[in-house]
Each structure stands twice: as structure tokens, then as C-alpha cells.
């Protein structure tokens, strides 16, 4: 039985107009461009765009006749949780090699991985999990996915999704709801899969794609973009460094240590939720919104140039419900 059908087959993108909160706590000025949020965070369990990637993976593994799938990744990450759950609910046996640095940490995603993985091996660091996966994957030809799902089988669902989104944005512009000829699609760069698929779909349109990095320096990510495109089976095109914003260039006092708790960001998440009832997560989406606010606050024409912005909320927020729940 399918607990969650592949919603991306029927769930069109949901777009709503939103406000931003700049650092002084006031709403954006009325002369600022319109900000629209694309609400993939509303998909089941808050896994968002991961479900759209999963659609492609399920179709691929069914086409190969494979029944047993091998995964690896962070125990507390959205990727391993969403794929272990989604694959099991679609009839596959799932084996995972997961790593966790802090054995005392317990999370929403950890619970899902442990409950929906048939065979789970826990390792103390990423390097050991990767080596174990590589050693075992030779016994799983065409039925294993590397960390974050960097695999050409995942692009079909995302390309279909961004094509629907492109049509919706064009429709909004045609109806006069977007006053600028050119608009911007902004999304977080995590693994880079969604960002690179969006770049390909929107490459010949009046919508420019911007990515916001919050995990590694821009210089290193731009250098590996070609490798990622090749691994995903996408068109091989250079990524314009100006289309990538580095959160830490705008907020140099925030630690680059991935996943490190930051009370200032937590307070921003709470404030945004109180105003909009939209929950951001502190790893990517909150940093992207803060980055957009800073660019708008600075009125930097070299970045947004006064154009209307469509921000894709890719989900992942349910891992962080404790930020807004009263104790």
C-alpha cells in the first residue's frame, strides 16, 4: 500500500505573495519588488522538493525491476529520511548506511530513517559511511543512490516540476501580476540538484535563476558545478558566478560550520513564522530569506535589480519544529 502517492504527478506548484522582515523588524518598503514564495514545504511531512526527486527514482527502479535499494547519507538529514520512507512505501526494500557525529542527538528525521529502513548500519562519520556504501554497492547494480541522490535518474521529476513552474510564472506575468518584464527565481543550493535543473529549464526564458549558498564557499561550488551536471545527465554549461550568492559574504559573523545552532537565526525563524505562519528551517531557507532581505535592504541593482522574486521553499522544516513550539 502506498502511504504517500507520488504527489508531484498531480500537485502543481503553489505560489503565494509574501512579505519579508528586514533587520529593523519592519516589513519591506512598498516600493520594493514583489516577493512570491513557492510552497513546496506544504508537501507531506515537509519534505518538499525531495518528493519530486523521489518520483523519478521510483520510476527508474521500477523500470529496472529492482526491488532492493541501497542508500547512504546523514542519519539526521532530509535526504535519507524522505527516500527511505518514500521507497519503502512504494514497495522497495531499503538498506541504509548512515552516519551521525553526535550519538546523543535524536531527531524527527532519525526516527523516520530507523522506522522505515529494513537494514540500517550506523557509522560514526561520513567517510566510513561512504566507504561502506562503495564496498556494498557493487552488489546492487543499478539499484543504489549516492549521498543526496546525485544520480541522473532523479532529474526527470525535477525537470517536469520546473517546467510546470515556468508556465505558472509566465502565466502570472501575462496576467499583469508581475510588473517587471524579467523576474528572478531564487532557491537554496544544497546538493545543487534542484538549482542546476532549474538553470536548465529557465535558460531560454525571461526568468533568471539565482542560487543561495549556505554550506560551502561559492568559489569551490562553482568549480564543481560541471561535474554535478555531468553526474545528473544535464546539459553541460558553465554557471555564472554572479548567479550564485554566498550567504556568508552578507553575514560574515555567522559561523560557516554546517548545522551549528545559531540563536540569531532561530529568532528570525520565529519572527517570520509569527508574521506569515510559514516555517523556515535554519540550515537553508532561513538563510536564503535573510540573504534576500539584505539585498533588498541594500537596494543592490547588481543583484536583484528591482525585479520581482519567486523564492522556492524546498521544505525540510519539520526537523526544526522545536524552534517555534512553546515548552
C-alpha atoms as a PDB file:
ATOM      1  CA  UNK A   1       0.000   0.000   0.000  1.00  0.00           C
ATOM      2  CA  UNK A   2       1.254   3.497  -0.815  1.00  0.00           C
ATOM      3  CA  UNK A   3       1.102   5.729   2.213  1.00  0.00           C
ATOM      4  CA  UNK A   4       2.095   8.725   0.141  1.00  0.00           C
ATOM      5  CA  UNK A   5       1.339   8.686  -3.596  1.00  0.00           C
ATOM      6  CA  UNK A   6       3.812  10.423  -5.849  1.00  0.00           C
ATOM      7  CA  UNK A   7       2.275  13.832  -5.377  1.00  0.00           C
ATOM      8  CA  UNK A   8       4.407  15.561  -7.977  1.00  0.00           C
ATOM      9  CA  UNK A   9       2.302  13.864 -10.654  1.00  0.00           C
ATOM     10  CA  UNK A  10      -0.730  15.873  -9.540  1.00  0.00           C
ATOM     11  CA  UNK A  11       0.482  18.638  -7.211  1.00  0.00           C
ATOM     12  CA  UNK A  12       1.189  21.778  -9.196  1.00  0.00           C
ATOM     13  CA  UNK A  13       3.421  24.431  -7.626  1.00  0.00           C
ATOM     14  CA  UNK A  14       1.629  26.634  -5.083  1.00  0.00           C
ATOM     15  CA  UNK A  15       2.674  30.284  -5.338  1.00  0.00           C
ATOM     16  CA  UNK A  16       1.733  32.972  -2.828  1.00  0.00           C
ATOM     17  CA  UNK A  17       2.741  36.565  -2.275  1.00  0.00           C
ATOM     18  CA  UNK A  18       4.702  37.084   0.967  1.00  0.00           C
ATOM     19  CA  UNK A  19       6.417  39.810   2.964  1.00  0.00           C
ATOM     20  CA  UNK A  20       9.944  39.866   4.239  1.00  0.00           C
ATOM     21  CA  UNK A  21      11.199  41.197   7.559  1.00  0.00           C
ATOM     22  CA  UNK A  22      14.370  43.238   7.358  1.00  0.00           C
ATOM     23  CA  UNK A  23      16.772  43.577  10.264  1.00  0.00           C
ATOM     24  CA  UNK A  24      14.988  46.555  11.810  1.00  0.00           C
ATOM     25  CA  UNK A  25      11.855  44.419  12.189  1.00  0.00           C
ATOM     26  CA  UNK A  26       9.796  46.380   9.659  1.00  0.00           C
ATOM     27  CA  UNK A  27       8.112  44.981   6.580  1.00  0.00           C
ATOM     28  CA  UNK A  28       9.725  45.594   3.232  1.00  0.00           C
ATOM     29  CA  UNK A  29       9.078  49.011   1.745  1.00  0.00           C
ATOM     30  CA  UNK A  30       6.114  49.348  -0.604  1.00  0.00           C
ATOM     31  CA  UNK A  31       8.392  50.292  -3.492  1.00  0.00           C
ATOM     32  CA  UNK A  32      10.284  47.033  -3.212  1.00  0.00           C
ATOM     33  CA  UNK A  33       9.693  44.314  -5.816  1.00  0.00           C
ATOM     34  CA  UNK A  34       7.027  41.724  -5.152  1.00  0.00           C
ATOM     35  CA  UNK A  35       8.139  38.581  -3.369  1.00  0.00           C
ATOM     36  CA  UNK A  36       6.398  35.295  -4.123  1.00  0.00           C
ATOM     37  CA  UNK A  37       7.044  32.067  -2.257  1.00  0.00           C
ATOM     38  CA  UNK A  38       6.673  28.715  -3.999  1.00  0.00           C
ATOM     39  CA  UNK A  39       5.338  26.444  -1.253  1.00  0.00           C
ATOM     40  CA  UNK A  40       6.896  23.029  -1.745  1.00  0.00           C
ATOM     41  CA  UNK A  41       7.145  22.943   2.045  1.00  0.00           C
ATOM     42  CA  UNK A  42       3.426  22.044   2.034  1.00  0.00           C
ATOM     43  CA  UNK A  43       4.106  18.582   0.602  1.00  0.00           C
ATOM     44  CA  UNK A  44       3.818  15.623   3.067  1.00  0.00           C
ATOM     45  CA  UNK A  45       5.939  15.765   6.214  1.00  0.00           C
ATOM     46  CA  UNK A  46       7.568  18.934   4.959  1.00  0.00           C
ATOM     47  CA  UNK A  47       9.972  17.020   2.723  1.00  0.00           C
ATOM     48  CA  UNK A  48       9.134  19.355  -0.127  1.00  0.00           C
ATOM     49  CA  UNK A  49      11.131  19.068  -3.319  1.00  0.00           C
ATOM     50  CA  UNK A  50      12.603  15.747  -2.162  1.00  0.00           C
ATOM     51  CA  UNK A  51       9.274  14.134  -3.132  1.00  0.00           C
ATOM     52  CA  UNK A  52       9.706  15.360  -6.698  1.00  0.00           C
ATOM     53  CA  UNK A  53      13.155  13.802  -6.853  1.00  0.00           C
ATOM     54  CA  UNK A  54      11.734  10.600  -5.388  1.00  0.00           C
ATOM     55  CA  UNK A  55       9.194  10.334  -8.204  1.00  0.00           C
ATOM     56  CA  UNK A  56      11.999   9.913 -10.718  1.00  0.00           C
ATOM     57  CA  UNK A  57      13.847   7.409  -8.537  1.00  0.00           C
ATOM     58  CA  UNK A  58      10.758   5.218  -8.111  1.00  0.00           C
ATOM     59  CA  UNK A  59      10.068   5.230 -11.836  1.00  0.00           C
ATOM     60  CA  UNK A  60      13.693   4.382 -12.603  1.00  0.00           C
ATOM     61  CA  UNK A  61      13.940   1.472 -10.160  1.00  0.00           C
ATOM     62  CA  UNK A  62      10.604   0.067 -11.318  1.00  0.00           C
ATOM     63  CA  UNK A  63      11.819   0.210 -14.917  1.00  0.00           C
ATOM     64  CA  UNK A  64      14.904  -1.817 -13.983  1.00  0.00           C
ATOM     65  CA  UNK A  65      12.887  -4.323 -11.959  1.00  0.00           C
ATOM     66  CA  UNK A  66      14.998  -3.720  -8.871  1.00  0.00           C
ATOM     67  CA  UNK A  67      13.355  -4.378  -5.507  1.00  0.00           C
ATOM     68  CA  UNK A  68      16.196  -3.731  -3.042  1.00  0.00           C
ATOM     69  CA  UNK A  69      17.706  -0.217  -2.921  1.00  0.00           C
ATOM     70  CA  UNK A  70      20.935   0.867  -1.234  1.00  0.00           C
ATOM     71  CA  UNK A  71      21.238   4.400   0.199  1.00  0.00           C
ATOM     72  CA  UNK A  72      23.726   6.315   2.312  1.00  0.00           C
ATOM     73  CA  UNK A  73      23.802   9.701   3.985  1.00  0.00           C
ATOM     74  CA  UNK A  74      23.377  11.661   7.195  1.00  0.00           C
ATOM     75  CA  UNK A  75      21.095   9.995   9.725  1.00  0.00           C
ATOM     76  CA  UNK A  76      19.511  13.336  10.582  1.00  0.00           C
ATOM     77  CA  UNK A  77      19.299  14.636   7.012  1.00  0.00           C
ATOM     78  CA  UNK A  78      16.186  15.207   4.915  1.00  0.00           C
ATOM     79  CA  UNK A  79      17.502  13.153   2.011  1.00  0.00           C
ATOM     80  CA  UNK A  80      17.875   9.843   3.844  1.00  0.00           C
ATOM     81  CA  UNK A  81      14.613  10.296   5.751  1.00  0.00           C
ATOM     82  CA  UNK A  82      12.477  11.154   2.710  1.00  0.00           C
ATOM     83  CA  UNK A  83      13.973   8.481   0.442  1.00  0.00           C
ATOM     84  CA  UNK A  84      13.938   5.650   2.966  1.00  0.00           C
ATOM     85  CA  UNK A  85      10.283   6.423   3.752  1.00  0.00           C
ATOM     86  CA  UNK A  86       9.202   7.015   0.159  1.00  0.00           C
ATOM     87  CA  UNK A  87      10.935   3.979  -1.281  1.00  0.00           C
ATOM     88  CA  UNK A  88       9.592   1.658   1.417  1.00  0.00           C
ATOM     89  CA  UNK A  89       6.048   2.994   0.992  1.00  0.00           C
ATOM     90  CA  UNK A  90       6.346   2.231  -2.715  1.00  0.00           C
ATOM     91  CA  UNK A  91       7.251  -1.409  -2.132  1.00  0.00           C
ATOM     92  CA  UNK A  92      11.055  -1.420  -2.103  1.00  0.00           C
ATOM     93  CA  UNK A  93      13.358  -2.986   0.448  1.00  0.00           C
ATOM     94  CA  UNK A  94      15.728  -0.317   1.741  1.00  0.00           C
ATOM     95  CA  UNK A  95      19.261  -0.688   3.091  1.00  0.00           C
ATOM     96  CA  UNK A  96      20.951   2.411   4.523  1.00  0.00           C
ATOM     97  CA  UNK A  97      24.440   3.263   5.672  1.00  0.00           C
ATOM     98  CA  UNK A  98      24.019   6.327   7.847  1.00  0.00           C
ATOM     99  CA  UNK A  99      26.429   8.479   9.779  1.00  0.00           C
ATOM    100  CA  UNK A 100      25.880  10.654  12.832  1.00  0.00           C
ATOM    101  CA  UNK A 101      28.532  12.694  14.616  1.00  0.00           C
ATOM    102  CA  UNK A 102      26.578  13.061  17.851  1.00  0.00           C
ATOM    103  CA  UNK A 103      25.175   9.756  19.178  1.00  0.00           C
ATOM    104  CA  UNK A 104      23.130  11.599  21.785  1.00  0.00           C
ATOM    105  CA  UNK A 105      21.195  13.644  19.214  1.00  0.00           C
ATOM    106  CA  UNK A 106      17.658  12.442  18.409  1.00  0.00           C
ATOM    107  CA  UNK A 107      15.571  13.999  15.657  1.00  0.00           C
ATOM    108  CA  UNK A 108      12.441  13.761  13.533  1.00  0.00           C
ATOM    109  CA  UNK A 109      14.443  12.524  10.545  1.00  0.00           C
ATOM    110  CA  UNK A 110      16.321   9.949  12.600  1.00  0.00           C
ATOM    111  CA  UNK A 111      13.026   8.435  13.728  1.00  0.00           C
ATOM    112  CA  UNK A 112      11.800   8.128  10.144  1.00  0.00           C
ATOM    113  CA  UNK A 113      15.038   6.527   8.934  1.00  0.00           C
ATOM    114  CA  UNK A 114      15.059   3.968  11.748  1.00  0.00           C
ATOM    115  CA  UNK A 115      11.393   3.054  11.315  1.00  0.00           C
ATOM    116  CA  UNK A 116      11.400   2.732   7.527  1.00  0.00           C
ATOM    117  CA  UNK A 117      14.784   1.220   6.733  1.00  0.00           C
ATOM    118  CA  UNK A 118      14.828  -2.582   6.539  1.00  0.00           C
ATOM    119  CA  UNK A 119      18.592  -2.821   7.091  1.00  0.00           C
ATOM    120  CA  UNK A 120      20.334   0.077   8.834  1.00  0.00           C
ATOM    121  CA  UNK A 121      24.029   0.348   9.620  1.00  0.00           C
ATOM    122  CA  UNK A 122      25.128   3.335  11.730  1.00  0.00           C
ATOM    123  CA  UNK A 123      28.675   4.649  11.400  1.00  0.00           C
ATOM    124  CA  UNK A 124      30.408   7.405  13.318  1.00  0.00           C
ATOM    125  CA  UNK A 125      31.463   9.603  10.409  1.00  0.00           C
ATOM    126  CA  UNK A 126      30.791  10.421   6.776  1.00  0.00           C
ATOM    127  CA  UNK A 127      33.995   8.876   5.452  1.00  0.00           C
ATOM    128  CA  UNK A 128      33.260   5.460   6.938  1.00  0.00           C
ATOM    129  CA  UNK A 129      29.665   5.516   5.680  1.00  0.00           C
ATOM    130  CA  UNK A 130      30.803   6.383   2.154  1.00  0.00           C
ATOM    131  CA  UNK A 131      33.428   3.625   2.099  1.00  0.00           C
ATOM    132  CA  UNK A 132      30.909   1.064   3.355  1.00  0.00           C
ATOM    133  CA  UNK A 133      28.421   2.164   0.699  1.00  0.00           C
ATOM    134  CA  UNK A 134      31.019   1.934  -2.080  1.00  0.00           C
ATOM    135  CA  UNK A 135      32.064  -1.548  -0.973  1.00  0.00           C
ATOM    136  CA  UNK A 136      28.477  -2.821  -0.875  1.00  0.00           C
ATOM    137  CA  UNK A 137      27.175  -1.023  -3.980  1.00  0.00           C
ATOM    138  CA  UNK A 138      28.912  -3.496  -6.297  1.00  0.00           C
ATOM    139  CA  UNK A 139      26.280  -5.999  -5.149  1.00  0.00           C
ATOM    140  CA  UNK A 140      23.495  -3.538  -6.056  1.00  0.00           C
ATOM    141  CA  UNK A 141      23.989  -2.760  -9.755  1.00  0.00           C
ATOM    142  CA  UNK A 142      21.525  -0.084 -10.929  1.00  0.00           C
ATOM    143  CA  UNK A 143      19.858  -0.120  -7.504  1.00  0.00           C
ATOM    144  CA  UNK A 144      21.889   2.268  -5.367  1.00  0.00           C
ATOM    145  CA  UNK A 145      21.824   6.026  -4.911  1.00  0.00           C
ATOM    146  CA  UNK A 146      24.806   8.063  -3.697  1.00  0.00           C
ATOM    147  CA  UNK A 147      24.505  10.687  -0.982  1.00  0.00           C
ATOM    148  CA  UNK A 148      21.942  13.419  -1.760  1.00  0.00           C
ATOM    149  CA  UNK A 149      20.757  11.395  -4.741  1.00  0.00           C
ATOM    150  CA  UNK A 150      23.340  12.744  -7.198  1.00  0.00           C
ATOM    151  CA  UNK A 151      22.127  10.419  -9.948  1.00  0.00           C
ATOM    152  CA  UNK A 152      20.653  11.029 -13.442  1.00  0.00           C
ATOM    153  CA  UNK A 153      17.505   9.100 -12.503  1.00  0.00           C
ATOM    154  CA  UNK A 154      16.419  11.990 -10.259  1.00  0.00           C
ATOM    155  CA  UNK A 155      16.347  14.750 -12.840  1.00  0.00           C
ATOM    156  CA  UNK A 156      13.204  13.747 -14.741  1.00  0.00           C
ATOM    157  CA  UNK A 157      10.807  14.655 -11.935  1.00  0.00           C
ATOM    158  CA  UNK A 158      12.578  17.947 -11.272  1.00  0.00           C
ATOM    159  CA  UNK A 159      12.667  18.927 -14.937  1.00  0.00           C
ATOM    160  CA  UNK A 160       8.914  18.222 -15.158  1.00  0.00           C
ATOM    161  CA  UNK A 161       8.302  20.236 -11.995  1.00  0.00           C
ATOM    162  CA  UNK A 162      10.322  23.257 -13.100  1.00  0.00           C
ATOM    163  CA  UNK A 163       8.596  23.177 -16.481  1.00  0.00           C
ATOM    164  CA  UNK A 164       5.223  23.451 -14.677  1.00  0.00           C
ATOM    165  CA  UNK A 165       6.634  26.230 -12.520  1.00  0.00           C
ATOM    166  CA  UNK A 166       7.939  28.073 -15.574  1.00  0.00           C
ATOM    167  CA  UNK A 167       4.486  28.002 -17.133  1.00  0.00           C
ATOM    168  CA  UNK A 168       2.895  29.296 -13.925  1.00  0.00           C
ATOM    169  CA  UNK A 169       5.340  32.186 -13.618  1.00  0.00           C
ATOM    170  CA  UNK A 170       4.815  33.113 -17.260  1.00  0.00           C
ATOM    171  CA  UNK A 171       1.059  32.983 -16.678  1.00  0.00           C
ATOM    172  CA  UNK A 172       1.368  35.346 -13.700  1.00  0.00           C
ATOM    173  CA  UNK A 173       3.404  37.755 -15.772  1.00  0.00           C
ATOM    174  CA  UNK A 174       0.884  37.612 -18.635  1.00  0.00           C
ATOM    175  CA  UNK A 175      -1.943  38.451 -16.219  1.00  0.00           C
ATOM    176  CA  UNK A 176      -0.090  41.548 -15.144  1.00  0.00           C
ATOM    177  CA  UNK A 177       0.537  40.362 -11.591  1.00  0.00           C
ATOM    178  CA  UNK A 178       4.261  40.812 -12.076  1.00  0.00           C
ATOM    179  CA  UNK A 179       5.084  44.371 -13.147  1.00  0.00           C
ATOM    180  CA  UNK A 180       8.597  43.682 -14.380  1.00  0.00           C
ATOM    181  CA  UNK A 181       9.411  42.040 -17.687  1.00  0.00           C
ATOM    182  CA  UNK A 182      12.165  39.974 -16.113  1.00  0.00           C
ATOM    183  CA  UNK A 183      11.750  38.081 -12.858  1.00  0.00           C
ATOM    184  CA  UNK A 184      14.042  36.071 -10.623  1.00  0.00           C
ATOM    185  CA  UNK A 185      13.679  32.509  -9.401  1.00  0.00           C
ATOM    186  CA  UNK A 186      15.691  32.110  -6.198  1.00  0.00           C
ATOM    187  CA  UNK A 187      16.399  28.821  -4.459  1.00  0.00           C
ATOM    188  CA  UNK A 188      18.805  27.368  -1.952  1.00  0.00           C
ATOM    189  CA  UNK A 189      21.818  25.452  -3.192  1.00  0.00           C
ATOM    190  CA  UNK A 190      22.125  22.380  -1.010  1.00  0.00           C
ATOM    191  CA  UNK A 191      23.276  19.435  -3.071  1.00  0.00           C
ATOM    192  CA  UNK A 192      22.839  21.591  -6.183  1.00  0.00           C
ATOM    193  CA  UNK A 193      20.465  19.178  -7.955  1.00  0.00           C
ATOM    194  CA  UNK A 194      17.402  21.432  -7.901  1.00  0.00           C
ATOM    195  CA  UNK A 195      19.373  24.570  -8.741  1.00  0.00           C
ATOM    196  CA  UNK A 196      21.057  23.024 -11.778  1.00  0.00           C
ATOM    197  CA  UNK A 197      17.777  21.564 -13.066  1.00  0.00           C
ATOM    198  CA  UNK A 198      16.152  24.985 -12.694  1.00  0.00           C
ATOM    199  CA  UNK A 199      19.020  26.608 -14.590  1.00  0.00           C
ATOM    200  CA  UNK A 200      18.454  24.237 -17.487  1.00  0.00           C
ATOM    201  CA  UNK A 201      14.667  24.705 -17.658  1.00  0.00           C
ATOM    202  CA  UNK A 202      14.716  28.501 -17.368  1.00  0.00           C
ATOM    203  CA  UNK A 203      17.784  29.066 -19.570  1.00  0.00           C
ATOM    204  CA  UNK A 204      15.807  30.386 -22.566  1.00  0.00           C
ATOM    205  CA  UNK A 205      13.234  32.443 -20.643  1.00  0.00           C
ATOM    206  CA  UNK A 206      12.862  35.909 -19.128  1.00  0.00           C
ATOM    207  CA  UNK A 207      13.252  34.374 -15.669  1.00  0.00           C
ATOM    208  CA  UNK A 208      16.771  34.462 -14.279  1.00  0.00           C
ATOM    209  CA  UNK A 209      17.767  31.797 -11.749  1.00  0.00           C
ATOM    210  CA  UNK A 210      19.723  32.734  -8.629  1.00  0.00           C
ATOM    211  CA  UNK A 211      21.080  30.260  -6.092  1.00  0.00           C
ATOM    212  CA  UNK A 212      21.993  30.987  -2.487  1.00  0.00           C
ATOM    213  CA  UNK A 213      24.815  29.012  -0.897  1.00  0.00           C
ATOM    214  CA  UNK A 214      24.860  28.396   2.836  1.00  0.00           C
ATOM    215  CA  UNK A 215      27.092  25.340   3.059  1.00  0.00           C
ATOM    216  CA  UNK A 216      30.389  25.980   1.255  1.00  0.00           C
ATOM    217  CA  UNK A 217      32.294  28.850  -0.379  1.00  0.00           C
ATOM    218  CA  UNK A 218      30.986  29.995  -3.748  1.00  0.00           C
ATOM    219  CA  UNK A 219      34.334  29.512  -5.486  1.00  0.00           C
ATOM    220  CA  UNK A 220      34.534  25.811  -4.646  1.00  0.00           C
ATOM    221  CA  UNK A 221      30.904  25.096  -5.544  1.00  0.00           C
ATOM    222  CA  UNK A 222      31.040  26.857  -8.919  1.00  0.00           C
ATOM    223  CA  UNK A 223      34.112  24.788  -9.811  1.00  0.00           C
ATOM    224  CA  UNK A 224      32.288  21.501  -9.217  1.00  0.00           C
ATOM    225  CA  UNK A 225      29.057  22.510 -10.986  1.00  0.00           C
ATOM    226  CA  UNK A 226      30.252  20.976 -14.271  1.00  0.00           C
ATOM    227  CA  UNK A 227      30.915  17.646 -12.520  1.00  0.00           C
ATOM    228  CA  UNK A 228      27.436  17.729 -10.953  1.00  0.00           C
ATOM    229  CA  UNK A 229      25.790  18.471 -14.314  1.00  0.00           C
ATOM    230  CA  UNK A 230      27.615  15.521 -15.840  1.00  0.00           C
ATOM    231  CA  UNK A 231      26.651  13.224 -12.945  1.00  0.00           C
ATOM    232  CA  UNK A 232      23.000  14.262 -13.323  1.00  0.00           C
ATOM    233  CA  UNK A 233      22.891  13.898 -17.109  1.00  0.00           C
ATOM    234  CA  UNK A 234      22.153  17.611 -17.597  1.00  0.00           C
ATOM    235  CA  UNK A 235      23.381  19.925 -20.318  1.00  0.00           C
ATOM    236  CA  UNK A 236      26.977  20.894 -19.625  1.00  0.00           C
ATOM    237  CA  UNK A 237      27.057  24.666 -19.210  1.00  0.00           C
ATOM    238  CA  UNK A 238      29.211  26.935 -17.134  1.00  0.00           C
ATOM    239  CA  UNK A 239      27.489  28.502 -14.131  1.00  0.00           C
ATOM    240  CA  UNK A 240      27.792  32.272 -13.949  1.00  0.00           C
ATOM    241  CA  UNK A 241      29.332  33.093 -10.547  1.00  0.00           C
ATOM    242  CA  UNK A 242      27.143  36.197 -10.420  1.00  0.00           C
ATOM    243  CA  UNK A 243      24.068  33.922 -10.323  1.00  0.00           C
ATOM    244  CA  UNK A 244      25.262  32.432  -7.025  1.00  0.00           C
ATOM    245  CA  UNK A 245      25.035  34.391  -3.770  1.00  0.00           C
ATOM    246  CA  UNK A 246      27.067  33.337  -0.743  1.00  0.00           C
ATOM    247  CA  UNK A 247      25.120  33.862   2.490  1.00  0.00           C
ATOM    248  CA  UNK A 248      28.332  34.247   4.471  1.00  0.00           C
ATOM    249  CA  UNK A 249      29.503  37.140   2.319  1.00  0.00           C
ATOM    250  CA  UNK A 250      26.446  39.043   3.567  1.00  0.00           C
ATOM    251  CA  UNK A 251      26.700  37.752   7.143  1.00  0.00           C
ATOM    252  CA  UNK A 252      30.408  37.132   7.844  1.00  0.00           C
ATOM    253  CA  UNK A 253      29.847  36.897  11.610  1.00  0.00           C
ATOM    254  CA  UNK A 254      27.775  33.713  11.244  1.00  0.00           C
ATOM    255  CA  UNK A 255      29.822  30.535  11.579  1.00  0.00           C
ATOM    256  CA  UNK A 256      30.346  28.504   8.401  1.00  0.00           C
ATOM    257  CA  UNK A 257      30.238  25.305  10.440  1.00  0.00           C
ATOM    258  CA  UNK A 258      27.408  23.350   8.823  1.00  0.00           C
ATOM    259  CA  UNK A 259      24.385  22.873  11.048  1.00  0.00           C
ATOM    260  CA  UNK A 260      25.833  24.781  14.005  1.00  0.00           C
ATOM    261  CA  UNK A 261      22.976  26.213  16.135  1.00  0.00           C
ATOM    262  CA  UNK A 262      22.593  29.970  15.853  1.00  0.00           C
ATOM    263  CA  UNK A 263      20.165  31.727  18.187  1.00  0.00           C
ATOM    264  CA  UNK A 264      20.012  34.843  15.999  1.00  0.00           C
ATOM    265  CA  UNK A 265      18.793  32.751  13.050  1.00  0.00           C
ATOM    266  CA  UNK A 266      16.374  30.865  15.319  1.00  0.00           C
ATOM    267  CA  UNK A 267      14.856  34.185  16.368  1.00  0.00           C
ATOM    268  CA  UNK A 268      14.456  35.168  12.710  1.00  0.00           C
ATOM    269  CA  UNK A 269      12.674  31.852  12.068  1.00  0.00           C
ATOM    270  CA  UNK A 270      10.303  32.523  14.975  1.00  0.00           C
ATOM    271  CA  UNK A 271       9.633  36.088  13.850  1.00  0.00           C
ATOM    272  CA  UNK A 272       8.913  35.030  10.275  1.00  0.00           C
ATOM    273  CA  UNK A 273       6.573  32.281  11.457  1.00  0.00           C
ATOM    274  CA  UNK A 274       4.686  34.691  13.713  1.00  0.00           C
ATOM    275  CA  UNK A 275       4.149  37.055  10.794  1.00  0.00           C
ATOM    276  CA  UNK A 276       3.390  34.615   7.970  1.00  0.00           C
ATOM    277  CA  UNK A 277       2.672  31.206   9.560  1.00  0.00           C
ATOM    278  CA  UNK A 278       5.358  29.875   7.224  1.00  0.00           C
ATOM    279  CA  UNK A 279       8.055  27.842   8.957  1.00  0.00           C
ATOM    280  CA  UNK A 280      11.573  28.210   7.609  1.00  0.00           C
ATOM    281  CA  UNK A 281      14.399  25.891   8.597  1.00  0.00           C
ATOM    282  CA  UNK A 282      17.672  27.362   9.878  1.00  0.00           C
ATOM    283  CA  UNK A 283      20.055  25.477   7.589  1.00  0.00           C
ATOM    284  CA  UNK A 284      18.974  26.770   4.169  1.00  0.00           C
ATOM    285  CA  UNK A 285      15.625  28.556   3.781  1.00  0.00           C
ATOM    286  CA  UNK A 286      16.039  30.977   6.706  1.00  0.00           C
ATOM    287  CA  UNK A 287      19.476  31.954   5.433  1.00  0.00           C
ATOM    288  CA  UNK A 288      18.120  32.455   1.923  1.00  0.00           C
ATOM    289  CA  UNK A 289      15.348  34.736   3.196  1.00  0.00           C
ATOM    290  CA  UNK A 290      17.869  36.695   5.281  1.00  0.00           C
ATOM    291  CA  UNK A 291      20.102  37.000   2.231  1.00  0.00           C
ATOM    292  CA  UNK A 292      17.208  38.289   0.116  1.00  0.00           C
ATOM    293  CA  UNK A 293      16.304  40.786   2.834  1.00  0.00           C
ATOM    294  CA  UNK A 294      19.855  42.098   2.932  1.00  0.00           C
ATOM    295  CA  UNK A 295      19.980  42.535  -0.847  1.00  0.00           C
ATOM    296  CA  UNK A 296      16.621  44.347  -0.822  1.00  0.00           C
ATOM    297  CA  UNK A 297      17.659  46.452   2.137  1.00  0.00           C
ATOM    298  CA  UNK A 298      20.830  47.495   0.312  1.00  0.00           C
ATOM    299  CA  UNK A 299      18.823  48.075  -2.893  1.00  0.00           C
ATOM    300  CA  UNK A 300      21.682  46.452  -4.816  1.00  0.00           C
ATOM    301  CA  UNK A 301      20.881  46.691  -8.562  1.00  0.00           C
ATOM    302  CA  UNK A 302      23.677  44.275  -9.448  1.00  0.00           C
ATOM    303  CA  UNK A 303      21.841  41.501  -7.562  1.00  0.00           C
ATOM    304  CA  UNK A 304      18.043  41.716  -7.820  1.00  0.00           C
ATOM    305  CA  UNK A 305      17.776  44.957  -9.770  1.00  0.00           C
ATOM    306  CA  UNK A 306      14.263  45.699  -8.511  1.00  0.00           C
ATOM    307  CA  UNK A 307      12.824  42.654 -10.248  1.00  0.00           C
ATOM    308  CA  UNK A 308      10.072  40.502  -8.794  1.00  0.00           C
ATOM    309  CA  UNK A 309      11.327  37.462  -6.928  1.00  0.00           C
ATOM    310  CA  UNK A 310       9.956  33.915  -6.813  1.00  0.00           C
ATOM    311  CA  UNK A 311      11.565  32.052  -3.922  1.00  0.00           C
ATOM    312  CA  UNK A 312      11.275  28.251  -3.818  1.00  0.00           C
ATOM    313  CA  UNK A 313      10.808  26.939  -0.271  1.00  0.00           C
ATOM    314  CA  UNK A 314      12.091  23.376  -0.709  1.00  0.00           C
ATOM    315  CA  UNK A 315      10.887  22.097   2.670  1.00  0.00           C
ATOM    316  CA  UNK A 316      12.836  20.389   5.424  1.00  0.00           C
ATOM    317  CA  UNK A 317      11.263  22.478   8.173  1.00  0.00           C
ATOM    318  CA  UNK A 318       9.659  19.681  10.218  1.00  0.00           C
ATOM    319  CA  UNK A 319      13.095  18.701  11.524  1.00  0.00           C
ATOM    320  CA  UNK A 320      13.108  22.047  13.343  1.00  0.00           C
ATOM    321  CA  UNK A 321       9.641  22.349  14.874  1.00  0.00           C
ATOM    322  CA  UNK A 322      11.244  22.818  18.288  1.00  0.00           C
ATOM    323  CA  UNK A 323      12.251  26.361  17.286  1.00  0.00           C
ATOM    324  CA  UNK A 324       8.640  27.549  17.297  1.00  0.00           C
ATOM    325  CA  UNK A 325       6.989  25.166  19.770  1.00  0.00           C
ATOM    326  CA  UNK A 326       6.492  26.542  23.262  1.00  0.00           C
ATOM    327  CA  UNK A 327       7.970  24.445  26.045  1.00  0.00           C
END
